[in-house]
N, C-alpha and C. Protein backbone atom coordinates (compact mmCIF):
# COMPACT_ATOMS: atom_id res chain seq x y z
N UNK A 1 0.84 -1.18 0.00
CA UNK A 1 0.00 0.00 0.00
C UNK A 1 0.90 1.25 0.00
N UNK A 2 0.68 2.15 -0.94
CA UNK A 2 1.50 3.36 -0.99
C UNK A 2 0.85 4.45 -0.15
N UNK A 3 1.70 5.30 0.40
CA UNK A 3 1.22 6.41 1.20
C UNK A 3 0.96 7.59 0.28
N UNK A 4 0.01 8.42 0.67
CA UNK A 4 -0.23 9.66 -0.06
C UNK A 4 -0.91 10.64 0.89
N UNK A 5 -0.82 11.90 0.53
CA UNK A 5 -1.40 12.96 1.36
C UNK A 5 -1.94 14.05 0.45
N UNK A 6 -3.25 13.99 0.13
CA UNK A 6 -3.81 15.04 -0.71
C UNK A 6 -3.85 16.37 0.05
N UNK A 7 -3.96 17.47 -0.67
CA UNK A 7 -3.98 17.59 -2.13
C UNK A 7 -2.61 17.33 -2.75
N UNK A 8 -2.64 16.97 -4.02
CA UNK A 8 -1.43 16.57 -4.75
C UNK A 8 -0.97 17.67 -5.70
N UNK A 9 0.35 17.73 -5.94
CA UNK A 9 0.81 18.64 -6.98
C UNK A 9 0.36 18.13 -8.35
N UNK A 10 0.25 19.02 -9.32
CA UNK A 10 0.57 20.44 -9.28
C UNK A 10 -0.50 21.22 -8.50
N UNK A 11 -0.04 22.19 -7.71
CA UNK A 11 -0.93 22.94 -6.84
C UNK A 11 -1.58 24.11 -7.58
N UNK A 12 -2.81 24.36 -7.20
CA UNK A 12 -3.50 25.60 -7.56
C UNK A 12 -3.46 26.47 -6.30
N UNK A 13 -3.87 27.71 -6.41
CA UNK A 13 -3.92 28.56 -5.21
C UNK A 13 -4.77 27.90 -4.12
N UNK A 14 -5.91 27.36 -4.51
CA UNK A 14 -6.82 26.75 -3.54
C UNK A 14 -6.21 25.52 -2.88
N UNK A 15 -5.57 24.65 -3.68
CA UNK A 15 -5.00 23.44 -3.08
C UNK A 15 -3.75 23.77 -2.27
N UNK A 16 -3.00 24.81 -2.66
CA UNK A 16 -1.85 25.22 -1.85
C UNK A 16 -2.32 25.74 -0.50
N UNK A 17 -3.41 26.52 -0.48
CA UNK A 17 -3.97 27.00 0.79
C UNK A 17 -4.44 25.82 1.64
N UNK A 18 -5.07 24.82 1.02
CA UNK A 18 -5.49 23.61 1.75
C UNK A 18 -4.28 22.93 2.38
N UNK A 19 -3.20 22.81 1.63
CA UNK A 19 -1.98 22.15 2.11
C UNK A 19 -1.42 22.90 3.31
N UNK A 20 -1.40 24.23 3.22
CA UNK A 20 -0.87 25.05 4.31
C UNK A 20 -1.74 24.89 5.56
N UNK A 21 -3.05 24.94 5.40
CA UNK A 21 -3.93 24.81 6.58
C UNK A 21 -3.84 23.41 7.17
N UNK A 22 -3.72 22.40 6.32
CA UNK A 22 -3.54 21.04 6.83
C UNK A 22 -2.27 20.91 7.65
N UNK A 23 -1.19 21.53 7.18
CA UNK A 23 0.07 21.50 7.94
C UNK A 23 -0.09 22.25 9.26
N UNK A 24 -0.73 23.40 9.22
CA UNK A 24 -0.96 24.16 10.46
C UNK A 24 -1.75 23.32 11.47
N UNK A 25 -2.84 22.72 11.01
CA UNK A 25 -3.66 21.91 11.92
C UNK A 25 -2.86 20.73 12.48
N UNK A 26 -2.06 20.09 11.64
CA UNK A 26 -1.24 18.98 12.10
C UNK A 26 -0.26 19.41 13.18
N UNK A 27 0.46 20.51 12.92
CA UNK A 27 1.44 20.99 13.90
C UNK A 27 0.76 21.44 15.19
N UNK A 28 -0.44 22.02 15.09
CA UNK A 28 -1.15 22.43 16.30
C UNK A 28 -1.64 21.24 17.12
N UNK A 29 -1.64 20.06 16.55
CA UNK A 29 -1.99 18.86 17.33
C UNK A 29 -0.87 18.53 18.32
N UNK A 30 0.34 18.98 18.02
CA UNK A 30 1.53 18.69 18.81
C UNK A 30 1.72 17.18 18.99
N UNK A 31 1.37 16.43 17.97
CA UNK A 31 1.54 14.98 17.97
C UNK A 31 2.64 14.64 16.97
N UNK A 32 3.88 14.42 17.45
CA UNK A 32 5.01 14.21 16.54
C UNK A 32 4.81 13.07 15.55
N UNK A 33 4.18 11.99 15.99
CA UNK A 33 3.98 10.84 15.09
C UNK A 33 3.00 11.19 13.98
N UNK A 34 1.90 11.85 14.34
CA UNK A 34 0.92 12.26 13.34
C UNK A 34 1.54 13.22 12.34
N UNK A 35 2.28 14.22 12.84
CA UNK A 35 2.90 15.22 11.97
C UNK A 35 3.88 14.56 11.02
N UNK A 36 4.66 13.60 11.51
CA UNK A 36 5.70 12.98 10.68
C UNK A 36 5.12 12.27 9.45
N UNK A 37 3.88 11.88 9.50
CA UNK A 37 3.27 11.15 8.38
C UNK A 37 3.01 12.03 7.16
N UNK A 38 3.14 13.35 7.31
CA UNK A 38 3.00 14.24 6.16
C UNK A 38 4.29 14.34 5.35
N UNK A 39 5.34 13.69 5.84
CA UNK A 39 6.67 13.77 5.22
C UNK A 39 7.08 12.40 4.70
N UNK A 40 7.92 12.38 3.68
CA UNK A 40 8.42 11.11 3.16
C UNK A 40 9.29 10.44 4.23
N UNK A 41 9.46 9.14 4.11
CA UNK A 41 10.26 8.40 5.10
C UNK A 41 11.70 8.88 5.12
N UNK A 42 12.17 9.50 4.03
CA UNK A 42 13.55 10.01 3.95
C UNK A 42 13.59 11.53 3.83
N UNK A 43 12.54 12.20 4.31
CA UNK A 43 12.44 13.65 4.21
C UNK A 43 13.68 14.34 4.80
N UNK A 44 14.06 15.45 4.17
CA UNK A 44 15.24 16.22 4.59
C UNK A 44 14.75 17.59 5.08
N UNK A 45 15.18 17.95 6.28
CA UNK A 45 14.79 19.22 6.88
C UNK A 45 16.02 20.07 7.19
N UNK A 46 15.79 21.37 7.21
CA UNK A 46 16.67 22.30 7.90
C UNK A 46 15.75 23.14 8.76
N UNK A 47 15.92 23.06 10.06
CA UNK A 47 15.11 23.81 11.00
C UNK A 47 16.06 24.52 11.96
N UNK A 48 16.22 25.82 11.78
CA UNK A 48 17.22 26.59 12.52
C UNK A 48 18.58 25.94 12.25
N UNK A 49 19.23 25.44 13.31
CA UNK A 49 20.56 24.82 13.14
C UNK A 49 20.49 23.30 13.24
N UNK A 50 19.30 22.72 13.10
CA UNK A 50 19.14 21.26 13.15
C UNK A 50 18.77 20.75 11.77
N UNK A 51 19.21 19.53 11.48
CA UNK A 51 19.04 18.96 10.15
C UNK A 51 18.50 17.53 10.25
N UNK A 52 17.25 17.36 10.72
CA UNK A 52 16.69 16.01 10.79
C UNK A 52 16.52 15.40 9.39
N UNK A 53 16.74 14.10 9.30
CA UNK A 53 16.52 13.36 8.06
C UNK A 53 15.68 12.15 8.40
N UNK A 54 14.56 12.00 7.73
CA UNK A 54 13.69 10.84 7.92
C UNK A 54 12.70 11.03 9.06
N UNK A 55 11.66 10.23 9.00
CA UNK A 55 10.57 10.37 9.97
C UNK A 55 11.01 10.17 11.42
N UNK A 56 11.86 9.20 11.68
CA UNK A 56 12.25 8.96 13.07
C UNK A 56 12.93 10.19 13.66
N UNK A 57 13.84 10.81 12.92
CA UNK A 57 14.50 12.02 13.42
C UNK A 57 13.51 13.19 13.51
N UNK A 58 12.53 13.24 12.63
CA UNK A 58 11.50 14.27 12.71
C UNK A 58 10.71 14.09 14.00
N UNK A 59 10.31 12.87 14.32
CA UNK A 59 9.58 12.60 15.56
C UNK A 59 10.42 13.01 16.77
N UNK A 60 11.69 12.65 16.77
CA UNK A 60 12.57 13.01 17.88
C UNK A 60 12.70 14.52 18.01
N UNK A 61 12.88 15.20 16.88
CA UNK A 61 12.99 16.66 16.87
C UNK A 61 11.72 17.30 17.43
N UNK A 62 10.56 16.89 16.91
CA UNK A 62 9.29 17.50 17.34
C UNK A 62 8.99 17.18 18.80
N UNK A 63 9.35 16.00 19.27
CA UNK A 63 9.15 15.66 20.68
C UNK A 63 9.94 16.62 21.56
N UNK A 64 11.22 16.84 21.22
CA UNK A 64 12.05 17.80 21.99
C UNK A 64 11.45 19.20 21.92
N UNK A 65 11.05 19.59 20.72
CA UNK A 65 10.50 20.93 20.51
C UNK A 65 9.30 21.18 21.41
N UNK A 66 8.32 20.29 21.35
CA UNK A 66 7.08 20.53 22.09
C UNK A 66 7.22 20.23 23.58
N UNK A 67 8.28 19.59 24.00
CA UNK A 67 8.57 19.49 25.43
C UNK A 67 9.14 20.80 25.97
N UNK A 68 9.77 21.59 25.09
CA UNK A 68 10.35 22.89 25.47
C UNK A 68 9.37 24.03 25.25
N UNK A 69 8.61 23.96 24.15
CA UNK A 69 7.73 25.05 23.73
C UNK A 69 6.31 24.76 24.21
N UNK A 70 6.01 25.21 25.42
CA UNK A 70 4.74 24.90 26.07
C UNK A 70 3.64 25.85 25.59
N UNK A 71 2.42 25.36 25.53
CA UNK A 71 1.31 26.19 25.09
C UNK A 71 1.40 26.59 23.63
N UNK A 72 2.08 25.79 22.83
CA UNK A 72 2.37 26.07 21.41
C UNK A 72 1.09 26.25 20.60
N UNK A 73 1.01 27.40 19.90
CA UNK A 73 -0.08 27.67 18.96
C UNK A 73 0.52 28.34 17.73
N UNK A 74 0.14 27.86 16.56
CA UNK A 74 0.78 28.23 15.30
C UNK A 74 -0.24 28.73 14.28
N UNK A 75 0.16 29.74 13.51
CA UNK A 75 -0.61 30.16 12.33
C UNK A 75 0.35 30.19 11.14
N UNK A 76 -0.04 29.55 10.04
CA UNK A 76 0.73 29.57 8.79
C UNK A 76 -0.09 30.31 7.73
N UNK A 77 0.61 30.92 6.78
CA UNK A 77 -0.06 31.62 5.69
C UNK A 77 0.71 31.36 4.39
N UNK A 78 -0.03 31.07 3.35
CA UNK A 78 0.58 30.88 2.04
C UNK A 78 1.28 32.16 1.60
N UNK A 79 2.51 32.01 1.11
CA UNK A 79 3.25 33.15 0.57
C UNK A 79 3.32 33.04 -0.96
N UNK A 80 3.71 31.85 -1.45
CA UNK A 80 3.83 31.64 -2.89
C UNK A 80 3.78 30.14 -3.16
N UNK A 81 3.56 29.77 -4.43
CA UNK A 81 3.55 28.35 -4.79
C UNK A 81 3.89 28.19 -6.26
N UNK A 82 4.37 27.00 -6.61
CA UNK A 82 4.55 26.58 -7.99
C UNK A 82 3.96 25.18 -8.09
N UNK A 83 4.30 24.46 -9.13
CA UNK A 83 3.72 23.13 -9.34
C UNK A 83 3.83 22.23 -8.11
N UNK A 84 5.05 22.06 -7.57
CA UNK A 84 5.22 21.13 -6.46
C UNK A 84 5.93 21.77 -5.26
N UNK A 85 5.97 23.09 -5.22
CA UNK A 85 6.61 23.80 -4.11
C UNK A 85 5.65 24.83 -3.52
N UNK A 86 5.79 25.00 -2.20
CA UNK A 86 4.99 26.00 -1.48
C UNK A 86 5.91 26.75 -0.53
N UNK A 87 5.75 28.07 -0.48
CA UNK A 87 6.45 28.91 0.49
C UNK A 87 5.40 29.46 1.45
N UNK A 88 5.70 29.40 2.73
CA UNK A 88 4.79 29.92 3.75
C UNK A 88 5.54 30.86 4.67
N UNK A 89 4.78 31.73 5.29
CA UNK A 89 5.29 32.47 6.44
C UNK A 89 4.44 32.04 7.62
N UNK A 90 5.00 32.13 8.80
CA UNK A 90 4.28 31.66 9.97
C UNK A 90 4.70 32.44 11.19
N UNK A 91 3.88 32.34 12.22
CA UNK A 91 4.23 32.85 13.54
C UNK A 91 3.57 31.91 14.54
N UNK A 92 4.29 31.61 15.60
CA UNK A 92 3.70 30.80 16.66
C UNK A 92 4.08 31.39 18.00
N UNK A 93 3.24 31.10 18.98
CA UNK A 93 3.47 31.55 20.35
C UNK A 93 3.65 30.35 21.25
N UNK A 94 4.52 30.52 22.23
CA UNK A 94 4.77 29.46 23.22
C UNK A 94 5.39 30.11 24.45
N UNK A 95 5.43 29.35 25.52
CA UNK A 95 6.10 29.79 26.73
C UNK A 95 7.13 28.75 27.12
N UNK A 96 8.13 29.18 27.86
CA UNK A 96 9.11 28.21 28.36
C UNK A 96 8.70 27.76 29.76
N UNK A 97 9.52 26.93 30.39
CA UNK A 97 9.15 26.39 31.70
C UNK A 97 9.22 27.41 32.83
N UNK A 98 9.71 28.63 32.54
CA UNK A 98 9.68 29.70 33.55
C UNK A 98 8.52 30.67 33.29
N UNK A 99 7.63 30.30 32.37
CA UNK A 99 6.45 31.09 31.99
C UNK A 99 6.77 32.35 31.20
N UNK A 100 7.96 32.41 30.60
CA UNK A 100 8.28 33.51 29.67
C UNK A 100 7.65 33.17 28.31
N UNK A 101 6.87 34.10 27.77
CA UNK A 101 6.22 33.90 26.48
C UNK A 101 7.10 34.40 25.34
N UNK A 102 6.95 33.77 24.20
CA UNK A 102 7.69 34.11 22.98
C UNK A 102 6.75 34.07 21.80
N UNK A 103 7.10 34.85 20.78
CA UNK A 103 6.49 34.69 19.47
C UNK A 103 7.64 34.40 18.51
N UNK A 104 7.51 33.33 17.78
CA UNK A 104 8.51 32.94 16.79
C UNK A 104 7.95 33.28 15.41
N UNK A 105 8.77 33.95 14.60
CA UNK A 105 8.40 34.33 13.24
C UNK A 105 9.28 33.55 12.28
N UNK A 106 8.73 33.13 11.15
CA UNK A 106 9.58 32.42 10.22
C UNK A 106 8.98 32.24 8.85
N UNK A 107 9.80 31.62 8.01
CA UNK A 107 9.45 31.26 6.64
C UNK A 107 9.85 29.82 6.42
N UNK A 108 9.07 29.13 5.61
CA UNK A 108 9.38 27.75 5.24
C UNK A 108 9.26 27.61 3.73
N UNK A 109 10.12 26.79 3.18
CA UNK A 109 10.02 26.38 1.78
C UNK A 109 9.82 24.87 1.77
N UNK A 110 8.79 24.44 1.07
CA UNK A 110 8.42 23.03 1.03
C UNK A 110 8.50 22.51 -0.41
N UNK A 111 8.93 21.25 -0.55
CA UNK A 111 8.89 20.59 -1.86
C UNK A 111 8.22 19.23 -1.69
N UNK A 112 7.30 18.91 -2.60
CA UNK A 112 6.47 17.71 -2.50
C UNK A 112 6.71 16.76 -3.65
N UNK A 113 6.51 15.47 -3.37
CA UNK A 113 6.48 14.47 -4.41
C UNK A 113 5.07 14.36 -4.97
N UNK A 114 4.89 13.57 -6.04
CA UNK A 114 3.57 13.42 -6.66
C UNK A 114 2.53 12.82 -5.71
N UNK A 115 3.00 12.15 -4.63
CA UNK A 115 2.10 11.54 -3.65
C UNK A 115 1.59 12.54 -2.61
N UNK A 116 2.02 13.81 -2.72
CA UNK A 116 1.59 14.84 -1.79
C UNK A 116 2.37 14.87 -0.49
N UNK A 117 3.37 13.99 -0.34
CA UNK A 117 4.21 13.99 0.85
C UNK A 117 5.37 14.96 0.64
N UNK A 118 5.72 15.66 1.71
CA UNK A 118 6.80 16.64 1.64
C UNK A 118 8.14 15.92 1.77
N UNK A 119 9.04 16.17 0.83
CA UNK A 119 10.35 15.52 0.92
C UNK A 119 11.47 16.49 1.28
N UNK A 120 11.22 17.80 1.19
CA UNK A 120 12.19 18.79 1.66
C UNK A 120 11.45 19.91 2.38
N UNK A 121 12.01 20.32 3.53
CA UNK A 121 11.46 21.42 4.32
C UNK A 121 12.62 22.25 4.84
N UNK A 122 12.63 23.53 4.47
CA UNK A 122 13.68 24.45 4.92
C UNK A 122 13.00 25.56 5.71
N UNK A 123 13.38 25.71 6.99
CA UNK A 123 12.74 26.69 7.86
C UNK A 123 13.77 27.66 8.43
N UNK A 124 13.43 28.93 8.41
CA UNK A 124 14.22 29.97 9.06
C UNK A 124 13.31 30.64 10.09
N UNK A 125 13.79 30.74 11.34
CA UNK A 125 12.92 31.14 12.45
C UNK A 125 13.66 32.08 13.38
N UNK A 126 12.95 33.11 13.86
CA UNK A 126 13.47 34.03 14.87
C UNK A 126 12.48 34.11 16.01
N UNK A 127 12.98 34.12 17.24
CA UNK A 127 12.14 34.22 18.43
C UNK A 127 12.21 35.62 19.02
N UNK A 128 11.08 36.08 19.54
CA UNK A 128 11.02 37.36 20.21
C UNK A 128 10.28 37.18 21.53
N UNK A 129 10.88 37.65 22.61
CA UNK A 129 10.18 37.62 23.91
C UNK A 129 8.97 38.54 23.84
N UNK A 130 7.87 38.08 24.41
CA UNK A 130 6.68 38.92 24.52
C UNK A 130 6.14 38.77 25.94
N UNK A 131 5.37 39.74 26.36
CA UNK A 131 4.69 39.60 27.65
C UNK A 131 3.41 38.80 27.42
N UNK A 132 2.91 38.24 28.48
CA UNK A 132 1.68 37.46 28.34
C UNK A 132 0.55 38.33 27.78
N UNK A 133 0.53 39.62 28.14
CA UNK A 133 -0.52 40.52 27.65
C UNK A 133 -0.38 40.82 26.15
N UNK A 134 0.78 40.54 25.55
CA UNK A 134 0.99 40.75 24.11
C UNK A 134 0.58 39.55 23.26
N UNK A 135 0.19 38.46 23.90
CA UNK A 135 -0.22 37.28 23.14
C UNK A 135 -1.43 37.59 22.27
N UNK A 136 -1.47 36.97 21.10
CA UNK A 136 -2.59 37.14 20.18
C UNK A 136 -3.34 35.83 19.92
N UNK A 137 -2.78 34.71 20.36
CA UNK A 137 -3.36 33.39 20.09
C UNK A 137 -3.93 32.85 21.40
N UNK A 138 -5.25 32.88 21.52
CA UNK A 138 -5.88 32.49 22.78
C UNK A 138 -6.85 31.33 22.64
N UNK A 139 -6.85 30.66 21.51
CA UNK A 139 -7.79 29.55 21.35
C UNK A 139 -7.32 28.37 22.19
N UNK A 140 -8.23 27.44 22.51
CA UNK A 140 -7.82 26.24 23.26
C UNK A 140 -6.77 25.46 22.45
N UNK A 141 -5.88 24.76 23.12
CA UNK A 141 -4.86 23.99 22.42
C UNK A 141 -5.51 23.08 21.38
N UNK A 142 -4.88 22.97 20.24
CA UNK A 142 -5.40 22.19 19.13
C UNK A 142 -5.51 23.09 17.91
N UNK A 143 -6.24 22.65 16.89
CA UNK A 143 -6.35 23.44 15.66
C UNK A 143 -6.93 24.84 15.91
N UNK A 144 -6.47 25.80 15.12
CA UNK A 144 -6.99 27.17 15.19
C UNK A 144 -8.44 27.15 14.69
N UNK A 145 -9.35 27.76 15.45
CA UNK A 145 -10.75 27.82 15.00
C UNK A 145 -10.87 28.52 13.66
N UNK A 146 -11.82 28.10 12.86
CA UNK A 146 -12.01 28.65 11.51
C UNK A 146 -12.25 30.14 11.53
N UNK A 147 -12.86 30.68 12.58
CA UNK A 147 -13.16 32.11 12.62
C UNK A 147 -12.05 32.93 13.29
N UNK A 148 -10.93 32.30 13.67
CA UNK A 148 -9.82 33.05 14.27
C UNK A 148 -9.02 33.74 13.17
N UNK A 149 -8.65 35.01 13.37
CA UNK A 149 -7.90 35.72 12.33
C UNK A 149 -6.58 35.04 12.00
N UNK A 150 -6.14 35.22 10.76
CA UNK A 150 -4.84 34.73 10.31
C UNK A 150 -3.76 35.79 10.55
N UNK A 151 -2.58 35.52 10.04
CA UNK A 151 -1.43 36.42 10.24
C UNK A 151 -1.71 37.83 9.71
N UNK A 152 -2.18 37.92 8.49
CA UNK A 152 -2.41 39.24 7.89
C UNK A 152 -3.45 40.02 8.68
N UNK A 153 -4.53 39.35 9.07
CA UNK A 153 -5.59 40.02 9.84
C UNK A 153 -5.09 40.49 11.20
N UNK A 154 -4.11 39.78 11.77
CA UNK A 154 -3.55 40.14 13.07
C UNK A 154 -2.42 41.17 12.97
N UNK A 155 -2.07 41.53 11.74
CA UNK A 155 -0.99 42.49 11.55
C UNK A 155 0.38 41.92 11.79
N UNK A 156 0.50 40.60 11.66
CA UNK A 156 1.79 39.93 11.86
C UNK A 156 2.43 39.61 10.53
């Protein structure tokens, strides 16, 4: 049985937006095993200064990440797309174990195979300390509600 993850390339604007929202919802689950299934078994990442390769290293990376980044909530937005590539910008909020809040801003470049699985992910991310009163993401943990504003609407 072959794995696949619709929508499939070549992407249209609508299917690229679907892909971005699906990734956002997956990451907001904070379930490393579930998230890893959107990537090929030999997927190659660059995330800050880490370079996970393959699903097992992705699971290990995400497990460490979400053990450090508490209260994680993410919003992604389509930036550009071509046949099998998507560029997104994103921002997420989290706190550390001392209750210091952060907002992380970044960009990702994704490349997909014909099966809709991502085989390359390149992420550049910067963190900024924020006060709890500066938080903009207040939905319950899990997927962002459909009526919650996106990055552009929030001025991010």
